[in-house]
Amino acid sequence: MEITRHFVDVGSRRVHYRRAGKGPPLLMAHQSPRSSAEYEPLMRGWAEHFTCIAPDTPGFGQSDPLPIAEPTIDDFADAMLGFLDAIGVQRTGAYGFHSGGIILVTALRKQPQRFSALAIGGYAIWTPEEMAVFGQSYLPPFRPSAYGEHLTWLWNRILEQTWFFPWFDVRPSMRLRMAHDDPARVDAVIREMLDSGDAYRAGYGAVLRAPRDIPAVGTAVPPVLITAYDGDPLQAHIDRLGELPESWEARKVPTPAAHQAASLEFLQQHPAPEAGRIAEAGDEGFRRVTVDGFDGLIHWRGTPGKEVALHGPGRALELLDGAPGFAIDLPGHGLSDSWSGPPPTEWQPWRQVVTAVAGDASIQAEPAPRGDPSRLFPNLAPDRFGAYLTRAWSIVRARHLFDPWYEASPATAIDFDPAVLAPERLALEHRALLRATAARELAAAMQSQGGQ
């Protein structure tokens, strides 16, 4: 089942969301500090029954943060309701996991008429002592540092949060049953933390500070199912929920698959009316492109015209300065999908993708980098110790100082503005380089054409 991606404006904020399927709408709220990307496997299955709509909550994924210094859970619930207004959905079923479920319960309490039913995985009821611990240590500032020191902390924090809960409490009694050391699984969360940056504290903090927000017994509210599986830190919280409204149920289940199956069955019993056209922004989005070697989504931004701006290898459209009014992320770069097979090293296949999106617009491209593509863009696959993160940071820093970056000498030194070494700027370049799965091949293709 195809998953499409879109943007929509909620007031002054731009919100990114994924969509799949047909039938009754189903709003899906992800946990913190993740994004709607975590729901892609679930959406492919549930899209047979629902029109699955999964937004990135404020400050996560590709959605703008809330313009509030320390937002509350009510602010995040209002943002979710505002998203439904923006896309034109009046009533929906909903599914949320952990913090996503907390946001949805608050939204349901505020506007129960907007929901046909809600299924959630785990609902946290923190004790005052637990909330005090979280407030002190759980959400330290996350800001880029000049030499990438923040990346060493990030790797170990994300890895060890599957070993201990909370992640910083390394006593034997706090060990988790779901411990792993899978670089790919850690990397998936790392990338989403890099997208959020320090904004992760706002969203995460709001759910950690959230009080029990379950409607009182006797309140007329839509039905809700709360389940938590063995190994989930919130399974013990099932016993803390207290009295629930008559149409609500909470139970423990053995596995994640059992939780998902119970949630799907419950939601199918309480479908919302089918929605009409789901709105999206007109000046940014994703276009399906199918040409030789590529079948996927291309991210674009701006207003199509006579020119299209293209970023260089290992970069992305968000890094283009003073670009014309229309730009795209090339395959295997930025927010666009990767090539279906091996990326091409000749320019023509790349040009076919550009033409499919921008027509005959003339290309305004960043210059091709000098040097050996294999040395310019070495392997940055995730490794067990997170060394790829600091390796990529060293590359984006050195690129401003030497040309080519891998030959540091007086002969290869280049002039630079110290402002380009600002950690916040390097962080954007670092994120783009990590996303680039076809940088080496694009460099070869551009060099073969003298730049484009």
Protein backbone atom coordinates (compact mmCIF):
# COMPACT_ATOMS: atom_id res chain seq x y z
CA MET A 1 0.00 0.00 0.00
CA GLU A 2 1.45 3.34 -1.08
CA ILE A 3 2.22 5.93 1.59
CA THR A 4 2.16 9.52 0.38
CA ARG A 5 3.61 12.56 2.13
CA HIS A 6 2.21 16.08 2.39
CA PHE A 7 2.43 19.43 4.14
CA VAL A 8 -0.36 21.63 5.44
CA ASP A 9 -0.38 24.95 7.27
CA VAL A 10 -1.90 25.08 10.75
CA GLY A 11 -1.99 28.79 11.44
CA SER A 12 1.57 30.00 10.93
CA ARG A 13 3.09 26.53 11.41
CA ARG A 14 3.89 24.09 8.64
CA VAL A 15 2.97 20.50 9.46
CA HIS A 16 4.17 17.39 7.65
CA TYR A 17 2.01 14.28 7.49
CA ARG A 18 1.86 10.84 5.90
CA ARG A 19 -1.27 9.32 4.40
CA ALA A 20 -2.25 5.87 3.13
CA GLY A 21 -5.34 3.84 2.33
CA LYS A 22 -9.02 4.55 1.90
CA GLY A 23 -12.16 4.38 3.98
CA PRO A 24 -12.89 5.92 7.40
CA PRO A 25 -10.19 8.33 8.61
CA LEU A 26 -7.78 7.19 11.31
CA LEU A 27 -5.55 9.77 12.99
CA MET A 28 -2.23 8.29 14.19
CA ALA A 29 -0.13 10.13 16.80
CA HIS A 30 3.48 8.98 17.22
CA GLN A 31 5.50 8.79 20.42
CA SER A 32 8.26 11.24 21.36
CA PRO A 33 10.93 11.84 20.17
CA ARG A 34 9.93 10.01 16.99
CA SER A 35 7.95 11.08 13.91
CA SER A 36 5.20 9.67 11.72
CA ALA A 37 7.89 7.59 9.99
CA GLU A 38 7.66 5.06 12.83
CA TYR A 39 4.11 4.22 11.71
CA GLU A 40 4.93 3.32 8.10
CA PRO A 41 4.84 -0.48 8.71
CA LEU A 42 1.57 -0.18 10.64
CA MET A 43 0.05 2.12 8.01
CA ARG A 44 0.72 -0.40 5.25
CA GLY A 45 -1.36 -2.98 7.09
CA TRP A 46 -4.09 -0.76 8.49
CA ALA A 47 -4.54 1.12 5.20
CA GLU A 48 -6.66 -1.81 4.05
CA HIS A 49 -9.29 -0.67 6.53
CA PHE A 50 -8.77 3.08 7.04
CA THR A 51 -7.49 6.27 5.50
CA CYS A 52 -4.47 6.47 7.81
CA ILE A 53 -3.32 10.03 8.51
CA ALA A 54 -0.13 10.39 10.57
CA PRO A 55 1.19 13.92 11.26
CA ASP A 56 4.55 14.80 12.74
CA THR A 57 3.65 16.44 16.05
CA PRO A 58 5.00 19.98 16.66
CA GLY A 59 8.79 20.13 16.74
CA PHE A 60 9.26 16.54 15.54
CA GLY A 61 9.95 15.12 12.10
CA GLN A 62 9.37 17.85 9.53
CA SER A 63 6.76 19.84 11.49
CA ASP A 64 7.46 23.30 12.88
CA PRO A 65 7.56 23.60 16.69
CA LEU A 66 4.96 25.45 18.68
CA PRO A 67 5.77 29.15 19.20
CA ILE A 68 5.64 28.67 22.99
CA ALA A 69 8.63 28.50 25.33
CA GLU A 70 7.26 25.68 27.52
CA PRO A 71 4.10 24.23 25.95
CA THR A 72 1.74 22.02 27.94
CA ILE A 73 -0.08 18.86 26.95
CA ASP A 74 -3.12 21.05 26.26
CA ASP A 75 -1.09 23.00 23.71
CA PHE A 76 -0.14 19.80 21.91
CA ALA A 77 -3.73 18.58 22.00
CA ASP A 78 -4.91 21.91 20.56
CA ALA A 79 -2.28 21.55 17.82
CA MET A 80 -3.64 18.10 16.95
CA LEU A 81 -7.19 19.43 16.79
CA GLY A 82 -5.95 22.35 14.68
CA PHE A 83 -4.36 19.86 12.30
CA LEU A 84 -7.72 18.09 11.86
CA ASP A 85 -9.30 21.47 11.10
CA ALA A 86 -6.58 22.29 8.57
CA ILE A 87 -6.96 19.04 6.60
CA GLY A 88 -10.76 19.21 6.76
CA VAL A 89 -11.50 16.12 8.91
CA GLN A 90 -14.39 16.69 11.28
CA ARG A 91 -14.55 13.29 13.00
CA THR A 92 -12.03 10.46 13.12
CA GLY A 93 -10.89 7.34 14.87
CA ALA A 94 -7.46 7.67 16.45
CA TYR A 95 -4.49 5.59 17.51
CA GLY A 96 -1.51 6.68 19.61
CA PHE A 97 1.43 5.06 21.32
CA HIS A 98 2.83 6.32 24.64
CA SER A 99 3.11 10.11 24.38
CA GLY A 100 0.99 10.10 21.22
CA GLY A 101 -1.76 8.44 23.23
CA ILE A 102 -1.49 11.03 25.99
CA ILE A 103 -1.91 13.84 23.44
CA LEU A 104 -4.95 12.11 21.96
CA VAL A 105 -6.63 11.49 25.33
CA THR A 106 -6.30 15.21 26.12
CA ALA A 107 -7.66 16.13 22.67
CA LEU A 108 -10.58 13.76 23.19
CA ARG A 109 -11.32 15.30 26.57
CA LYS A 110 -11.33 18.78 25.02
CA GLN A 111 -13.42 17.92 21.93
CA PRO A 112 -14.99 14.47 22.30
CA GLN A 113 -17.26 15.01 19.28
CA ARG A 114 -14.20 14.87 17.01
CA PHE A 115 -13.47 11.19 17.76
CA SER A 116 -15.34 7.96 17.09
CA ALA A 117 -12.93 5.88 19.21
CA LEU A 118 -9.36 5.88 20.48
CA ALA A 119 -6.91 2.98 20.86
CA ILE A 120 -3.60 3.63 22.60
CA GLY A 121 -0.54 1.73 23.63
CA GLY A 122 0.27 2.57 27.24
CA TYR A 123 -0.91 5.58 29.22
CA ALA A 124 1.56 7.02 31.71
CA ILE A 125 0.51 7.87 35.27
CA TRP A 126 3.68 9.23 36.84
CA THR A 127 4.15 9.51 40.59
CA PRO A 128 5.35 12.87 41.98
CA GLU A 129 8.73 11.25 42.68
CA GLU A 130 9.04 10.02 39.10
CA MET A 131 8.07 13.39 37.68
CA ALA A 132 10.72 15.06 39.84
CA VAL A 133 13.39 12.69 38.50
CA PHE A 134 12.33 13.34 34.91
CA GLY A 135 12.37 17.08 35.47
CA GLN A 136 15.94 16.98 36.76
CA SER A 137 17.69 14.66 34.34
CA TYR A 138 15.56 13.23 31.54
CA LEU A 139 15.62 16.16 29.11
CA PRO A 140 19.02 17.87 29.02
CA PRO A 141 19.56 20.55 26.37
CA PHE A 142 20.52 19.17 22.97
CA ARG A 143 22.50 21.71 20.99
CA PRO A 144 25.23 21.15 18.41
CA SER A 145 28.83 21.70 19.52
CA ALA A 146 31.74 22.85 17.41
CA TYR A 147 33.51 19.49 17.11
CA GLY A 148 30.49 17.17 17.26
CA GLU A 149 30.75 16.20 20.93
CA HIS A 150 26.94 16.24 21.16
CA LEU A 151 26.80 13.26 18.80
CA THR A 152 28.72 10.96 21.14
CA TRP A 153 26.23 11.75 23.92
CA LEU A 154 23.27 11.29 21.55
CA TRP A 155 24.36 7.87 20.34
CA ASN A 156 24.83 6.46 23.82
CA ARG A 157 21.68 8.07 25.20
CA ILE A 158 19.50 6.56 22.45
CA LEU A 159 21.21 3.17 22.64
CA GLU A 160 20.98 2.86 26.41
CA GLN A 161 17.38 3.97 26.66
CA THR A 162 16.61 0.42 25.52
CA TRP A 163 18.79 -0.90 28.37
CA PHE A 164 17.52 1.21 31.28
CA PHE A 165 14.44 3.27 32.10
CA PRO A 166 14.93 6.08 32.71
CA TRP A 167 17.98 5.99 30.44
CA PHE A 168 20.29 7.73 32.95
CA ASP A 169 19.46 5.42 35.88
CA VAL A 170 21.99 2.62 35.45
CA ARG A 171 21.14 0.62 38.55
CA PRO A 172 20.62 -3.12 37.92
CA SER A 173 17.01 -2.84 39.11
CA MET A 174 16.24 -0.42 36.26
CA ARG A 175 17.29 -2.70 33.40
CA LEU A 176 14.76 -3.33 30.62
CA ARG A 177 13.81 -6.60 28.96
CA MET A 178 13.95 -5.06 25.46
CA ALA A 179 17.69 -4.24 25.44
CA HIS A 180 19.42 -4.41 22.04
CA ASP A 181 22.45 -3.03 20.21
CA ASP A 182 21.08 -2.88 16.65
CA PRO A 183 22.74 0.07 14.87
CA ALA A 184 19.89 0.43 12.37
CA ARG A 185 17.25 0.73 15.10
CA VAL A 186 19.34 3.24 17.04
CA ASP A 187 20.06 5.22 13.88
CA ALA A 188 16.34 5.57 13.11
CA VAL A 189 15.80 7.39 16.41
CA ILE A 190 19.06 9.34 16.08
CA ARG A 191 17.91 10.86 12.80
CA GLU A 192 14.64 11.97 14.31
CA MET A 193 16.44 13.55 17.25
CA LEU A 194 18.64 15.42 14.78
CA ASP A 195 15.47 16.69 13.07
CA SER A 196 14.00 17.91 16.35
CA GLY A 197 17.14 19.34 17.91
CA ASP A 198 16.51 21.09 21.21
CA ALA A 199 12.77 21.25 20.38
CA TYR A 200 12.56 17.63 21.56
CA ARG A 201 12.46 18.94 25.13
CA ALA A 202 9.22 20.84 24.54
CA GLY A 203 7.24 17.90 23.20
CA TYR A 204 8.76 15.29 25.44
CA GLY A 205 8.53 17.56 28.46
CA ALA A 206 4.84 18.28 27.90
CA VAL A 207 3.91 14.60 28.09
CA LEU A 208 6.20 13.92 31.04
CA ARG A 209 4.58 16.79 32.97
CA ALA A 210 1.05 15.85 31.89
CA PRO A 211 -1.33 15.04 34.76
CA ARG A 212 -3.81 12.18 34.60
CA ASP A 213 -6.34 13.53 32.10
CA ILE A 214 -8.87 10.70 31.94
CA PRO A 215 -12.51 11.89 31.98
CA ALA A 216 -14.53 11.18 35.09
CA VAL A 217 -16.81 8.18 35.39
CA GLY A 218 -20.19 9.09 33.94
CA THR A 219 -18.77 11.50 31.35
CA ALA A 220 -20.19 11.02 27.86
CA VAL A 221 -17.08 10.32 25.81
CA PRO A 222 -16.21 8.04 22.88
CA PRO A 223 -14.96 4.51 23.64
CA VAL A 224 -11.26 4.04 24.38
CA LEU A 225 -9.05 0.95 24.61
CA ILE A 226 -5.72 1.10 26.48
CA THR A 227 -3.35 -1.86 26.18
CA ALA A 228 0.29 -2.39 27.15
CA TYR A 229 2.46 -5.42 26.36
CA ASP A 230 5.02 -7.37 28.37
CA GLY A 231 8.32 -5.48 28.44
CA ASP A 232 6.69 -2.07 27.91
CA PRO A 233 7.68 0.20 30.84
CA LEU A 234 4.11 1.52 30.87
CA GLN A 235 2.50 -1.90 31.35
CA ALA A 236 2.73 -1.41 35.13
CA HIS A 237 0.81 1.85 34.71
CA ILE A 238 -2.31 -0.11 33.73
CA ASP A 239 -2.70 -0.72 37.46
CA ARG A 240 -2.43 3.02 38.16
CA LEU A 241 -5.23 4.17 35.84
CA GLY A 242 -7.99 4.21 38.43
CA GLU A 243 -11.67 4.35 37.53
CA LEU A 244 -12.45 4.76 33.85
CA PRO A 245 -15.55 5.92 31.97
CA GLU A 246 -18.02 3.13 31.20
CA SER A 247 -17.01 2.88 27.54
CA TRP A 248 -13.29 2.60 28.35
CA GLU A 249 -11.24 -0.55 28.83
CA ALA A 250 -7.62 -1.14 29.90
CA ARG A 251 -5.78 -4.46 29.81
CA LYS A 252 -2.35 -6.03 29.64
CA VAL A 253 -1.38 -8.07 26.57
CA PRO A 254 1.60 -10.34 25.98
CA THR A 255 3.26 -8.90 22.84
CA PRO A 256 3.43 -5.82 20.58
CA ALA A 257 1.59 -7.85 17.93
CA ALA A 258 -1.22 -8.55 20.39
CA HIS A 259 -1.46 -4.86 21.23
CA GLN A 260 -1.72 -3.91 17.56
CA ALA A 261 -4.26 -6.63 16.80
CA ALA A 262 -6.46 -5.61 19.74
CA SER A 263 -6.21 -1.94 18.72
CA LEU A 264 -7.16 -2.65 15.10
CA GLU A 265 -10.12 -4.82 16.07
CA PHE A 266 -11.38 -2.17 18.47
CA LEU A 267 -11.06 0.67 15.96
CA GLN A 268 -12.85 -1.35 13.29
CA GLN A 269 -15.81 -1.66 15.65
CA HIS A 270 -16.10 2.14 15.92
CA PRO A 271 -15.36 3.70 12.49
CA ALA A 272 -15.78 7.39 11.81
CA PRO A 273 -17.67 8.67 8.75
CA GLU A 274 -15.58 8.77 5.61
CA ALA A 275 -13.94 12.14 5.05
CA GLY A 276 -13.89 14.23 1.91
CA ARG A 277 -10.81 15.68 0.25
CA ILE A 278 -7.89 15.98 2.66
CA ALA A 279 -6.21 19.37 2.30
CA GLU A 280 -2.51 20.05 1.74
CA ALA A 281 -0.20 22.99 1.08
CA GLY A 282 0.18 24.31 -2.45
CA ASP A 283 3.80 25.46 -2.28
CA GLU A 284 5.55 22.36 -0.92
CA GLY A 285 5.01 18.67 -1.19
CA PHE A 286 6.04 15.38 -2.73
CA ARG A 287 5.51 14.18 -6.28
CA ARG A 288 5.48 10.57 -7.40
CA VAL A 289 8.06 10.11 -10.17
CA THR A 290 8.54 6.93 -12.18
CA VAL A 291 11.42 6.82 -14.65
CA ASP A 292 14.14 4.29 -15.44
CA GLY A 293 15.83 3.38 -12.16
CA PHE A 294 13.62 5.52 -9.94
CA ASP A 295 10.10 5.02 -8.62
CA GLY A 296 9.41 7.12 -5.58
CA LEU A 297 8.57 10.49 -4.04
CA ILE A 298 10.49 13.67 -4.83
CA HIS A 299 10.32 16.52 -2.35
CA TRP A 300 9.76 19.95 -3.92
CA ARG A 301 9.30 23.47 -2.61
CA GLY A 302 8.30 26.78 -4.17
CA THR A 303 6.46 27.82 -7.32
CA PRO A 304 7.32 26.08 -10.60
CA GLY A 305 8.77 28.44 -13.19
CA LYS A 306 11.52 28.81 -15.75
CA GLU A 307 14.28 27.75 -13.35
CA VAL A 308 14.77 24.91 -10.90
CA ALA A 309 17.43 25.00 -8.19
CA LEU A 310 19.43 21.86 -7.50
CA HIS A 311 21.65 21.22 -4.50
CA GLY A 312 25.07 19.59 -4.76
CA PRO A 313 26.01 16.04 -3.75
CA GLY A 314 25.42 15.24 -0.08
CA ARG A 315 23.33 18.37 0.37
CA ALA A 316 19.62 19.26 0.24
CA LEU A 317 17.28 22.01 -0.90
CA GLU A 318 17.07 23.42 2.64
CA LEU A 319 20.73 24.47 2.27
CA LEU A 320 20.22 26.46 -0.93
CA ASP A 321 20.81 30.17 -0.37
CA GLY A 322 19.25 32.71 -2.69
CA ALA A 323 17.71 29.96 -4.84
CA PRO A 324 15.09 30.65 -7.53
CA GLY A 325 11.46 30.08 -6.66
CA PHE A 326 11.42 26.31 -7.21
CA ALA A 327 13.75 23.64 -5.85
CA ILE A 328 13.78 19.88 -5.41
CA ASP A 329 15.65 17.29 -3.40
CA LEU A 330 17.30 14.90 -5.84
CA PRO A 331 16.85 11.13 -5.35
CA GLY A 332 18.73 9.82 -2.36
CA HIS A 333 19.01 13.33 -0.88
CA GLY A 334 17.03 15.45 1.55
CA LEU A 335 13.45 14.24 1.96
CA SER A 336 13.25 12.48 -1.41
CA ASP A 337 13.24 8.71 -1.79
CA SER A 338 16.33 6.78 -2.82
CA TRP A 339 16.96 5.23 -6.21
CA SER A 340 15.18 1.93 -6.78
CA GLY A 341 18.48 0.22 -7.51
CA PRO A 342 22.14 1.32 -7.67
CA PRO A 343 22.31 5.11 -8.12
CA PRO A 344 23.53 6.11 -11.60
CA THR A 345 26.90 7.73 -12.21
CA GLU A 346 25.80 9.29 -15.51
CA TRP A 347 23.88 12.55 -15.58
CA GLN A 348 21.02 11.57 -17.92
CA PRO A 349 18.99 9.52 -15.38
CA TRP A 350 19.23 12.37 -12.88
CA ARG A 351 18.07 14.78 -15.57
CA GLN A 352 15.06 12.58 -16.29
CA VAL A 353 13.93 12.89 -12.68
CA VAL A 354 14.37 16.67 -12.76
CA THR A 355 12.37 16.91 -16.00
CA ALA A 356 9.57 14.78 -14.55
CA VAL A 357 9.14 17.33 -11.74
CA ALA A 358 10.19 20.65 -13.29
CA GLY A 359 9.56 20.13 -17.01
CA ASP A 360 11.95 22.00 -19.27
CA ALA A 361 13.01 24.51 -16.62
CA SER A 362 16.63 25.53 -16.81
CA ILE A 363 18.83 24.16 -14.05
CA GLN A 364 20.58 26.38 -11.54
CA ALA A 365 22.84 23.89 -9.76
CA GLU A 366 25.42 24.17 -7.05
CA PRO A 367 28.85 23.39 -8.52
CA ALA A 368 30.12 19.84 -8.62
CA PRO A 369 32.75 19.16 -5.95
CA ARG A 370 36.34 18.60 -6.97
CA GLY A 371 38.06 15.36 -6.07
CA ASP A 372 37.56 11.63 -6.07
CA PRO A 373 33.85 10.90 -5.38
CA SER A 374 34.71 7.77 -3.38
CA ARG A 375 36.92 9.81 -1.06
CA LEU A 376 34.61 12.82 -0.96
CA PHE A 377 31.74 10.62 0.19
CA PRO A 378 32.98 7.60 2.16
CA ASN A 379 30.70 4.96 3.64
CA LEU A 380 28.60 6.42 6.47
CA ALA A 381 26.51 3.36 7.31
CA PRO A 382 25.53 3.13 10.99
CA ASP A 383 27.98 1.16 13.12
CA ARG A 384 27.71 -0.32 16.60
CA PHE A 385 29.51 2.59 18.27
CA GLY A 386 28.04 5.56 16.40
CA ALA A 387 31.38 6.57 14.89
CA TYR A 388 29.67 7.38 11.57
CA LEU A 389 28.04 10.38 13.23
CA THR A 390 31.28 12.10 14.25
CA ARG A 391 32.90 11.05 10.97
CA ALA A 392 30.21 12.88 9.02
CA TRP A 393 30.59 15.94 11.28
CA SER A 394 34.33 16.07 10.60
CA ILE A 395 33.63 15.93 6.87
CA VAL A 396 31.17 18.84 6.79
CA ARG A 397 33.54 20.93 8.91
CA ALA A 398 36.59 20.18 6.76
CA ARG A 399 34.67 20.94 3.54
CA HIS A 400 34.71 24.62 4.50
CA LEU A 401 38.47 24.66 5.05
CA PHE A 402 40.05 22.57 2.28
CA ASP A 403 39.28 21.63 -1.32
CA PRO A 404 39.04 18.70 -1.56
CA TRP A 405 38.30 18.28 2.12
CA TYR A 406 40.27 15.03 2.45
CA GLU A 407 43.58 16.73 1.56
CA ALA A 408 44.41 19.07 4.42
CA SER A 409 47.45 21.10 3.44
CA PRO A 410 48.48 24.69 2.74
CA ALA A 411 48.06 23.96 -0.97
CA THR A 412 44.40 22.90 -0.59
CA ALA A 413 43.39 25.54 1.99
CA ILE A 414 40.51 27.76 0.86
CA ASP A 415 39.20 31.11 2.05
CA PHE A 416 36.20 30.91 4.35
CA ASP A 417 33.88 33.04 6.45
CA PRO A 418 34.09 31.91 10.10
CA ALA A 419 30.28 32.10 10.20
CA VAL A 420 30.08 28.91 8.10
CA LEU A 421 31.56 26.99 11.04
CA ALA A 422 28.71 27.94 13.36
CA PRO A 423 27.56 24.65 14.95
CA GLU A 424 23.91 25.32 14.03
CA ARG A 425 24.86 25.66 10.36
CA LEU A 426 27.09 22.60 10.44
CA ALA A 427 24.23 20.65 12.01
CA LEU A 428 22.05 21.26 8.93
CA GLU A 429 24.85 20.17 6.61
CA HIS A 430 25.55 17.13 8.79
CA ARG A 431 21.91 16.06 8.65
CA ALA A 432 21.86 16.43 4.86
CA LEU A 433 25.03 14.35 4.49
CA LEU A 434 23.64 11.56 6.65
CA ARG A 435 20.45 11.49 4.59
CA ALA A 436 22.35 11.29 1.31
CA THR A 437 22.38 7.73 0.00
CA ALA A 438 23.53 8.68 -3.49
CA ALA A 439 26.04 11.50 -2.93
CA ARG A 440 29.02 9.64 -4.39
CA GLU A 441 27.14 8.78 -7.58
CA LEU A 442 25.68 12.29 -7.96
CA ALA A 443 29.18 13.74 -7.65
CA ALA A 444 30.40 11.45 -10.44
CA ALA A 445 27.40 12.31 -12.61
CA MET A 446 27.84 16.05 -12.14
CA GLN A 447 31.58 15.87 -12.76
CA SER A 448 30.93 14.03 -16.02
CA GLN A 449 28.80 16.97 -17.19
CA GLY A 450 31.12 19.70 -16.00
CA GLY A 451 28.87 20.62 -13.09
CA GLN A 452 25.36 19.58 -14.13
